[in-house]
Protein backbone atom coordinates (compact mmCIF):
# COMPACT_ATOMS: atom_id res chain seq x y z
CA MET A 1 -21.69 -2.10 8.55
CA ILE A 2 -20.21 -4.76 6.26
CA PRO A 3 -18.35 -7.28 8.50
CA ARG A 4 -14.60 -7.22 7.89
CA THR A 5 -12.14 -10.09 8.34
CA LEU A 6 -9.55 -7.71 9.77
CA ALA A 7 -11.72 -7.20 12.89
CA GLU A 8 -10.47 -10.47 14.39
CA THR A 9 -6.86 -9.44 13.78
CA LEU A 10 -7.48 -6.07 15.45
CA HIS A 11 -8.88 -7.81 18.53
CA ARG A 12 -5.79 -10.04 18.64
CA LEU A 13 -3.31 -7.19 18.33
CA ALA A 14 -5.19 -5.10 20.90
CA GLN A 15 -4.42 -7.80 23.45
CA SER A 16 -0.67 -7.40 22.92
CA PHE A 17 0.17 -3.84 21.82
CA PRO A 18 -0.65 -0.54 23.55
CA VAL A 19 -1.20 1.08 20.14
CA VAL A 20 -2.96 -0.45 17.13
CA ALA A 21 -2.61 1.24 13.72
CA ILE A 22 -4.91 0.77 10.73
CA THR A 23 -3.61 2.01 7.39
CA GLY A 24 -5.00 1.65 3.90
CA PRO A 25 -6.40 3.62 0.97
CA ARG A 26 -9.10 6.22 1.42
CA GLN A 27 -12.66 4.92 1.60
CA SER A 28 -11.57 1.35 2.39
CA GLY A 29 -13.58 1.39 5.63
CA LYS A 30 -10.91 2.16 8.24
CA THR A 31 -12.98 4.64 10.26
CA THR A 32 -16.12 2.47 10.24
CA LEU A 33 -14.14 -0.61 11.30
CA ALA A 34 -12.19 1.19 14.05
CA ARG A 35 -15.34 2.70 15.54
CA ALA A 36 -17.13 -0.66 15.46
CA VAL A 37 -14.31 -2.77 16.92
CA PHE A 38 -13.34 -0.17 19.54
CA ALA A 39 -16.80 1.22 20.21
CA ASP A 40 -15.98 1.74 23.90
CA LYS A 41 -13.26 4.30 23.12
CA PRO A 42 -13.73 8.04 22.42
CA TYR A 43 -13.42 8.88 18.74
CA VAL A 44 -11.44 11.89 17.52
CA SER A 45 -11.02 12.91 13.90
CA LEU A 46 -7.90 14.95 13.31
CA GLU A 47 -9.42 16.08 10.02
CA ASP A 48 -11.66 18.24 12.21
CA PRO A 49 -9.97 21.68 12.22
CA ILE A 50 -11.21 22.43 15.74
CA GLU A 51 -9.76 19.26 17.22
CA ARG A 52 -6.54 19.61 15.25
CA GLY A 53 -6.20 23.25 16.28
CA PHE A 54 -6.67 22.30 19.94
CA ALA A 55 -4.06 19.55 19.60
CA MET A 56 -1.47 21.85 18.04
CA GLU A 57 -2.07 24.74 20.43
CA ASP A 58 -2.21 22.74 23.66
CA PRO A 59 -1.17 19.13 23.04
CA ARG A 60 -1.03 18.11 26.69
CA GLY A 61 -4.42 19.58 27.42
CA PHE A 62 -5.82 17.89 24.30
CA LEU A 63 -4.49 14.45 25.26
CA ALA A 64 -5.43 14.82 28.95
CA ARG A 65 -9.00 14.02 27.89
CA PHE A 66 -7.92 10.59 26.67
CA GLU A 67 -5.84 9.10 29.47
CA ASN A 68 -7.75 5.83 29.15
CA GLY A 69 -7.34 5.66 25.39
CA ALA A 70 -9.03 6.81 22.21
CA VAL A 71 -9.37 6.25 18.46
CA PHE A 72 -7.45 8.93 16.56
CA ASP A 73 -8.64 9.06 12.96
CA GLU A 74 -6.40 10.47 10.18
CA ALA A 75 -3.56 10.59 12.68
CA GLN A 76 -0.99 11.74 10.12
CA ARG A 77 -2.69 15.16 10.12
CA TRP A 78 -0.99 15.84 13.46
CA PRO A 79 2.49 14.27 13.24
CA ASP A 80 3.45 15.22 16.84
CA LEU A 81 0.78 12.82 18.10
CA PHE A 82 3.11 9.84 17.80
CA SER A 83 5.79 11.37 20.04
CA TYR A 84 3.22 12.19 22.73
CA LEU A 85 1.71 8.72 22.51
CA GLN A 86 5.17 7.22 23.01
CA GLY A 87 5.48 8.98 26.38
CA MET A 88 1.96 8.00 27.42
CA VAL A 89 2.26 4.30 26.58
CA ASP A 90 5.75 4.02 28.07
CA GLY A 91 4.25 5.23 31.34
CA GLN A 92 1.26 2.88 31.10
CA ARG A 93 1.48 0.00 28.62
CA THR A 94 -2.15 -1.05 28.74
CA PRO A 95 -2.82 -3.29 25.71
CA GLY A 96 -5.15 -1.80 23.13
CA ARG A 97 -5.12 1.63 24.75
CA PHE A 98 -4.88 3.74 21.59
CA VAL A 99 -5.97 3.18 18.01
CA VAL A 100 -4.68 5.32 15.13
CA THR A 101 -5.84 5.28 11.52
CA GLY A 102 -4.41 6.95 8.45
CA SER A 103 -5.00 6.93 4.72
CA GLN A 104 -1.61 8.14 3.58
CA GLN A 105 1.16 5.86 4.66
CA PHE A 106 4.00 8.30 4.11
CA GLY A 107 2.82 10.45 7.03
CA LEU A 108 1.45 7.71 9.25
CA LEU A 109 4.25 5.17 8.94
CA ALA A 110 6.97 7.79 9.31
CA GLY A 111 5.54 8.78 12.68
CA VAL A 112 4.94 5.19 13.76
CA THR A 113 8.42 3.93 12.88
CA GLN A 114 10.17 6.89 14.48
CA SER A 115 8.22 7.08 17.73
CA LEU A 116 6.21 3.91 18.30
CA ALA A 117 8.53 1.11 17.17
CA GLY A 118 7.88 -1.95 19.32
CA ARG A 119 4.73 -0.40 20.76
CA VAL A 120 2.34 -0.66 17.82
CA GLY A 121 0.55 -3.45 16.01
CA LEU A 122 0.33 -2.49 12.32
CA THR A 123 -2.51 -3.55 10.05
CA ARG A 124 -3.59 -2.66 6.50
CA LEU A 125 -7.23 -2.55 5.43
CA LEU A 126 -7.77 -2.84 1.70
CA PRO A 127 -11.13 -2.71 -0.13
CA LEU A 128 -13.49 -5.65 0.31
CA ALA A 129 -12.27 -9.13 -0.52
CA PHE A 130 -14.73 -11.30 -2.43
CA ASP A 131 -15.80 -13.24 0.68
CA GLU A 132 -16.46 -9.96 2.53
CA MET A 133 -18.87 -8.66 -0.11
CA PRO A 134 -22.62 -8.74 0.61
CA ALA A 135 -24.46 -11.78 -0.77
CA ALA A 136 -26.05 -9.75 -3.57
CA SER A 137 -22.64 -8.65 -4.84
CA ARG A 138 -21.28 -12.19 -4.77
CA GLN A 139 -24.05 -13.28 -7.14
CA LEU A 140 -22.80 -10.94 -9.88
CA SER A 141 -20.80 -12.14 -12.87
CA ILE A 142 -17.03 -11.92 -12.71
CA ASP A 143 -17.03 -9.06 -15.23
CA SER A 144 -19.49 -7.08 -13.08
CA ILE A 145 -17.36 -7.70 -9.99
CA LEU A 146 -14.23 -6.54 -11.81
CA LEU A 147 -16.03 -3.33 -12.80
CA LEU A 148 -17.50 -2.72 -9.36
CA GLY A 149 -14.32 -3.28 -7.39
CA GLY A 150 -14.25 -3.66 -3.63
CA TYR A 151 -14.70 -0.22 -2.08
CA PRO A 152 -17.41 -0.69 0.60
CA LEU A 153 -19.61 2.26 -0.40
CA LEU A 154 -20.20 0.72 -3.83
CA HIS A 155 -21.68 -2.35 -2.13
CA SER A 156 -23.80 -0.55 0.43
CA GLN A 157 -25.17 2.56 -1.34
CA PRO A 158 -27.12 3.03 -4.62
CA ILE A 159 -24.40 4.84 -6.54
CA LEU A 160 -22.96 4.24 -9.99
CA ALA A 161 -19.39 2.95 -9.88
CA SER A 162 -18.37 5.33 -12.70
CA ASP A 163 -19.66 8.34 -10.74
CA TRP A 164 -18.00 7.23 -7.53
CA PHE A 165 -14.60 6.52 -9.09
CA ALA A 166 -14.60 9.89 -10.88
CA SER A 167 -15.07 11.63 -7.55
CA TYR A 168 -12.61 9.32 -5.80
CA VAL A 169 -9.77 9.97 -8.23
CA ALA A 170 -10.32 13.73 -8.09
CA THR A 171 -10.39 13.69 -4.28
CA TYR A 172 -7.35 11.46 -4.05
CA ILE A 173 -5.38 13.70 -6.39
CA GLU A 174 -6.39 16.90 -4.64
CA ARG A 175 -5.88 15.69 -1.07
CA ASP A 176 -3.22 13.00 -0.90
CA VAL A 177 -0.97 13.61 -3.85
CA ARG A 178 -0.74 17.35 -3.36
CA GLN A 179 0.20 16.78 0.29
CA VAL A 180 3.22 14.71 -0.69
CA LEU A 181 4.29 15.84 -4.15
CA ASN A 182 4.63 19.27 -5.66
CA ILE A 183 2.74 18.49 -8.87
CA GLN A 184 2.08 21.55 -11.01
CA ASP A 185 0.16 19.88 -13.84
CA MET A 186 -2.37 17.42 -12.44
CA GLY A 187 -3.32 16.40 -15.98
CA VAL A 188 0.11 14.81 -16.39
CA PHE A 189 -0.34 12.87 -13.17
CA GLN A 190 -3.77 11.66 -14.32
CA ARG A 191 -2.17 10.41 -17.55
CA PHE A 192 0.49 8.64 -15.50
CA LEU A 193 -2.22 7.00 -13.38
CA ARG A 194 -4.08 5.76 -16.47
CA LEU A 195 -0.86 4.42 -17.99
CA CYS A 196 -0.23 2.49 -14.77
CA ALA A 197 -3.72 0.98 -15.02
CA GLY A 198 -2.95 -0.13 -18.56
CA ARG A 199 0.16 -1.92 -17.25
CA SER A 200 -1.52 -3.76 -14.37
CA GLY A 201 -0.37 -7.37 -14.53
CA GLN A 202 2.78 -6.54 -16.50
CA LEU A 203 6.47 -6.28 -15.69
CA LEU A 204 7.24 -2.77 -14.52
CA ASN A 205 9.28 -0.84 -17.06
CA LEU A 206 9.69 2.48 -15.30
CA SER A 207 11.68 4.10 -18.10
CA ALA A 208 8.99 3.32 -20.70
CA LEU A 209 6.27 4.44 -18.30
CA ALA A 210 8.05 7.74 -17.67
CA GLY A 211 8.58 8.27 -21.39
CA GLU A 212 4.92 7.75 -22.26
CA ALA A 213 3.78 9.96 -19.40
CA GLY A 214 6.21 12.69 -20.44
CA VAL A 215 8.04 12.90 -17.10
CA SER A 216 11.55 12.11 -15.91
CA HIS A 217 12.54 8.69 -14.58
CA SER A 218 12.97 10.09 -11.06
CA THR A 219 9.55 11.75 -11.17
CA ALA A 220 7.88 8.53 -12.30
CA ARG A 221 9.63 6.64 -9.50
CA ALA A 222 8.43 9.19 -6.92
CA TRP A 223 4.85 9.11 -8.22
CA LEU A 224 4.76 5.32 -8.26
CA SER A 225 6.12 5.26 -4.72
CA VAL A 226 3.21 7.40 -3.56
CA LEU A 227 0.70 5.14 -5.31
CA GLU A 228 2.30 2.13 -3.64
CA SER A 229 2.45 3.72 -0.19
CA SER A 230 -1.20 4.73 -0.51
CA ASP A 231 -2.15 1.09 -1.22
CA LEU A 232 -3.47 1.82 -4.69
CA VAL A 233 -0.87 -0.33 -6.46
CA PHE A 234 1.16 -3.35 -5.40
CA LEU A 235 4.56 -4.43 -6.74
CA LEU A 236 4.84 -8.21 -6.92
CA PRO A 237 8.51 -9.27 -6.71
CA PRO A 238 10.00 -12.19 -8.64
CA TYR A 239 10.84 -15.34 -6.73
CA HIS A 240 14.48 -16.28 -6.28
CA ARG A 241 16.01 -18.67 -3.79
CA ASN A 242 18.58 -15.93 -3.24
CA PHE A 243 16.53 -13.46 -1.18
CA GLY A 244 18.64 -10.49 -2.26
CA LYS A 245 17.69 -11.01 -5.89
CA ARG A 246 14.00 -10.69 -5.02
CA LEU A 247 14.71 -7.11 -4.01
CA VAL A 248 16.58 -5.99 -7.12
CA LYS A 249 14.90 -7.82 -10.01
CA THR A 250 12.03 -6.26 -11.96
CA PRO A 251 8.64 -6.59 -10.20
CA LYS A 252 5.17 -6.79 -11.74
CA LEU A 253 2.73 -3.94 -11.25
CA TYR A 254 -0.82 -4.57 -10.00
CA PHE A 255 -3.66 -2.32 -8.95
CA LEU A 256 -5.18 -3.40 -5.65
CA ASP A 257 -8.69 -2.65 -6.86
CA ALA A 258 -9.75 -3.92 -10.27
CA GLY A 259 -12.71 -1.53 -10.36
CA LEU A 260 -10.43 1.50 -10.12
CA ALA A 261 -8.22 0.07 -12.87
CA CYS A 262 -11.28 -0.50 -15.09
CA TRP A 263 -12.48 3.06 -14.56
CA LEU A 264 -9.05 4.49 -15.40
CA LEU A 265 -9.10 2.45 -18.62
CA ALA A 266 -12.53 3.93 -19.50
CA ILE A 267 -14.27 0.55 -19.22
CA ARG A 268 -17.83 1.30 -18.13
CA SER A 269 -19.88 -1.85 -18.79
CA PRO A 270 -19.51 -5.64 -18.58
CA GLU A 271 -20.14 -5.87 -22.32
CA VAL A 272 -17.13 -3.64 -23.05
CA LEU A 273 -14.98 -5.48 -20.52
CA THR A 274 -15.80 -8.88 -22.03
CA LEU A 275 -14.22 -7.85 -25.34
CA HIS A 276 -11.50 -5.57 -23.94
CA PRO A 277 -7.88 -6.58 -24.65
CA SER A 278 -7.00 -5.94 -20.99
CA ARG A 279 -9.63 -8.32 -19.60
CA GLY A 280 -7.12 -11.11 -18.92
CA ALA A 281 -4.77 -8.73 -17.12
CA LEU A 282 -7.66 -7.27 -15.09
CA PHE A 283 -8.81 -10.76 -14.04
CA GLU A 284 -5.24 -11.54 -12.98
CA THR A 285 -5.16 -8.21 -11.13
CA TRP A 286 -8.30 -9.19 -9.22
CA VAL A 287 -6.96 -12.63 -8.28
CA VAL A 288 -3.61 -11.27 -7.08
CA SER A 289 -5.37 -8.57 -5.04
CA GLU A 290 -7.51 -11.28 -3.38
CA PHE A 291 -4.36 -13.09 -2.24
CA VAL A 292 -2.87 -9.83 -0.95
CA LYS A 293 -6.07 -9.00 0.96
CA SER A 294 -6.23 -12.46 2.51
CA ARG A 295 -2.80 -11.97 4.03
CA PHE A 296 -3.22 -8.37 5.12
CA ASN A 297 -6.54 -9.26 6.78
CA LEU A 298 -4.67 -11.81 8.87
CA GLY A 299 -2.05 -9.24 9.84
CA ARG A 300 0.64 -10.99 7.77
CA PRO A 301 3.02 -9.66 5.13
CA ALA A 302 2.10 -10.44 1.54
CA ASP A 303 5.02 -12.82 0.87
CA LEU A 304 3.79 -13.40 -2.68
CA TYR A 305 5.97 -13.72 -5.77
CA PHE A 306 5.94 -14.60 -9.46
CA TRP A 307 8.36 -16.63 -11.56
CA ARG A 308 9.60 -16.19 -15.11
CA ASP A 309 12.78 -17.56 -16.67
CA ASN A 310 14.55 -17.23 -20.03
CA ASN A 311 13.16 -20.56 -21.24
CA GLY A 312 9.53 -19.48 -21.08
CA LEU A 313 8.65 -21.19 -17.81
CA GLU A 314 6.49 -18.96 -15.64
CA ALA A 315 4.08 -18.95 -12.72
CA ASP A 316 1.75 -16.01 -12.22
CA LEU A 317 1.89 -16.37 -8.45
CA ILE A 318 4.04 -18.27 -5.95
CA PHE A 319 3.99 -18.49 -2.19
CA GLU A 320 5.97 -20.56 0.27
CA VAL A 321 4.37 -23.30 2.38
CA ASP A 322 6.90 -24.45 4.94
CA THR A 323 9.87 -25.51 2.77
CA ARG A 324 7.80 -26.04 -0.39
CA LEU A 325 6.37 -23.74 -3.04
CA GLN A 326 2.78 -23.34 -4.20
CA PRO A 327 2.67 -22.28 -7.87
CA VAL A 328 -0.49 -20.61 -9.21
CA GLU A 329 -1.47 -20.04 -12.84
CA ILE A 330 -4.26 -17.53 -13.59
CA LYS A 331 -6.48 -17.70 -16.71
CA SER A 332 -9.54 -15.54 -17.33
CA GLY A 333 -11.35 -17.92 -19.69
CA GLN A 334 -14.50 -19.74 -18.58
CA THR A 335 -13.48 -23.09 -20.09
CA VAL A 336 -10.47 -25.10 -18.99
CA THR A 337 -8.62 -26.07 -22.15
CA ARG A 338 -5.70 -28.43 -22.58
CA ASP A 339 -3.44 -25.38 -22.94
CA TYR A 340 -4.66 -24.10 -19.58
CA VAL A 341 -3.79 -27.40 -17.92
CA ARG A 342 -0.37 -27.45 -19.58
CA ALA A 343 0.24 -23.91 -18.34
CA GLY A 344 -0.65 -25.04 -14.82
CA GLN A 345 1.73 -27.99 -15.09
CA ALA A 346 4.48 -25.75 -16.43
CA ALA A 347 3.96 -23.34 -13.53
CA GLY A 348 5.02 -26.06 -11.13
CA ARG A 349 7.88 -27.43 -13.18
CA PHE A 350 10.50 -24.84 -12.26
CA ALA A 351 10.52 -25.80 -8.58
CA GLY A 352 10.96 -29.53 -9.13
CA ASP A 353 10.46 -31.54 -5.95
CA GLU A 354 9.85 -28.38 -3.94
CA ALA A 355 6.60 -27.63 -5.77
CA LEU A 356 3.20 -28.56 -4.41
CA PRO A 357 0.52 -29.60 -6.96
CA PRO A 358 -0.09 -26.45 -9.04
CA TRP A 359 -3.26 -24.40 -8.87
CA LEU A 360 -5.08 -23.10 -11.93
CA ILE A 361 -7.47 -20.27 -11.07
CA TYR A 362 -9.83 -19.51 -13.96
CA GLY A 363 -12.99 -17.61 -14.89
CA GLY A 364 -15.34 -20.62 -14.90
CA SER A 365 -17.70 -21.93 -12.23
CA GLU A 366 -16.43 -25.46 -11.38
CA SER A 367 -13.53 -26.60 -9.24
CA TYR A 368 -11.90 -30.02 -9.65
CA GLU A 369 -8.64 -31.93 -10.18
CA ARG A 370 -7.29 -32.55 -13.67
CA SER A 371 -3.98 -34.11 -14.71
CA GLY A 372 -2.31 -33.24 -11.41
CA VAL A 373 -3.53 -29.65 -11.49
CA ARG A 374 -6.00 -28.28 -8.96
CA VAL A 375 -8.50 -26.28 -11.05
CA ILE A 376 -10.13 -23.55 -8.92
CA SER A 377 -13.10 -21.42 -9.93
CA TRP A 378 -12.87 -17.71 -9.14
CA LYS A 379 -15.98 -18.21 -7.00
CA ASP A 380 -14.18 -20.74 -4.81
CA LEU A 381 -11.01 -18.73 -4.36
CA PRO A 382 -11.83 -17.48 -0.81
CA SER A 383 -12.28 -21.07 0.40
CA SER A 384 -8.93 -22.18 -1.03
CA PRO A 385 -6.46 -23.31 1.66
CA ILE A 386 -4.36 -20.17 1.69
CA PRO A 387 -1.84 -20.66 4.53
CA SER A 388 -2.47 -18.35 7.45
CA GLU A 389 -0.43 -19.68 10.34
CA PRO A 390 2.48 -17.48 11.47
CA ARG A 391 4.94 -20.36 11.10
CA LEU A 392 4.35 -20.36 7.34
CA TYR A 393 5.74 -16.88 6.98
């Protein structure tokens, strides 16, 4: 098993909550992690038709076997589970008694929020962060890492990324999307998915996206919502001191796995990626996803933003540190130019005295200070002082 940072968070939550939930995209390692961290508990997969049939036919008899707790995998396959668990944990609130996992957040979170509010510690497991990858993977070039992505199987089994992603997309479409949406023409949805990949790192223009995909605005919004709830894409909101404006202004769209985005864009080799017009956006996608993973692995909300104003000032990424702001500029080039440094300085200018010294994350191999900008190599990103204490959120 590849060690996962989220394991420590699961141990922490299991000391406080009677139910611990692990959500995330398919094949991100939820089952493997749950069985490793809670190896002393019985494991039940509700994908198993025999177990699910038993649960639906005789729920009390099914759960009587697990009075002392269990790991219920793919829990959304039996929605009544959450109501029964509520009664069981209200009668005996033993911390860490039950663990539930689910790949499709629509089903899992609906049950959790309705029945287990206040009783469950929620976590989200995304594909591997860079510092979780095996040593051999971390020695690859940045272009190879972007192509490979972070799904654990690609780092532990001898399988071509292009073959795996082809199967993954087909499985995801057949299983998850059909469960939630009544899509008649899957080819249209595949086109929509590829168009989203082409817009990773850009402001979300849902009307233009719907028009190019050949679907209505409401359909595009519903499809994007499923991609977001399944942890395949992430919407990065703009930063405003007025919190309400963060919720209504246009967000930026990012895939949470650069490898999946590369495959959807038909990029199959590092040589092609090096010259591809989307390389800069894909590098930015990877960096943003690393920040998201770092927070989710700690059991925290993302609390990440971007900034762009009418005068051309922008920061690719912003997060709050106490009462101050940390601006981050992202550049894919391997050489830090004067323009890169100026972009880093400009990223911090909008916040005035509230801004911490800006970060410039780039595609080169050295990290150092230059003209008041902290230049950070992509290789050193995991060791960057990303705030993790609860008080910072």
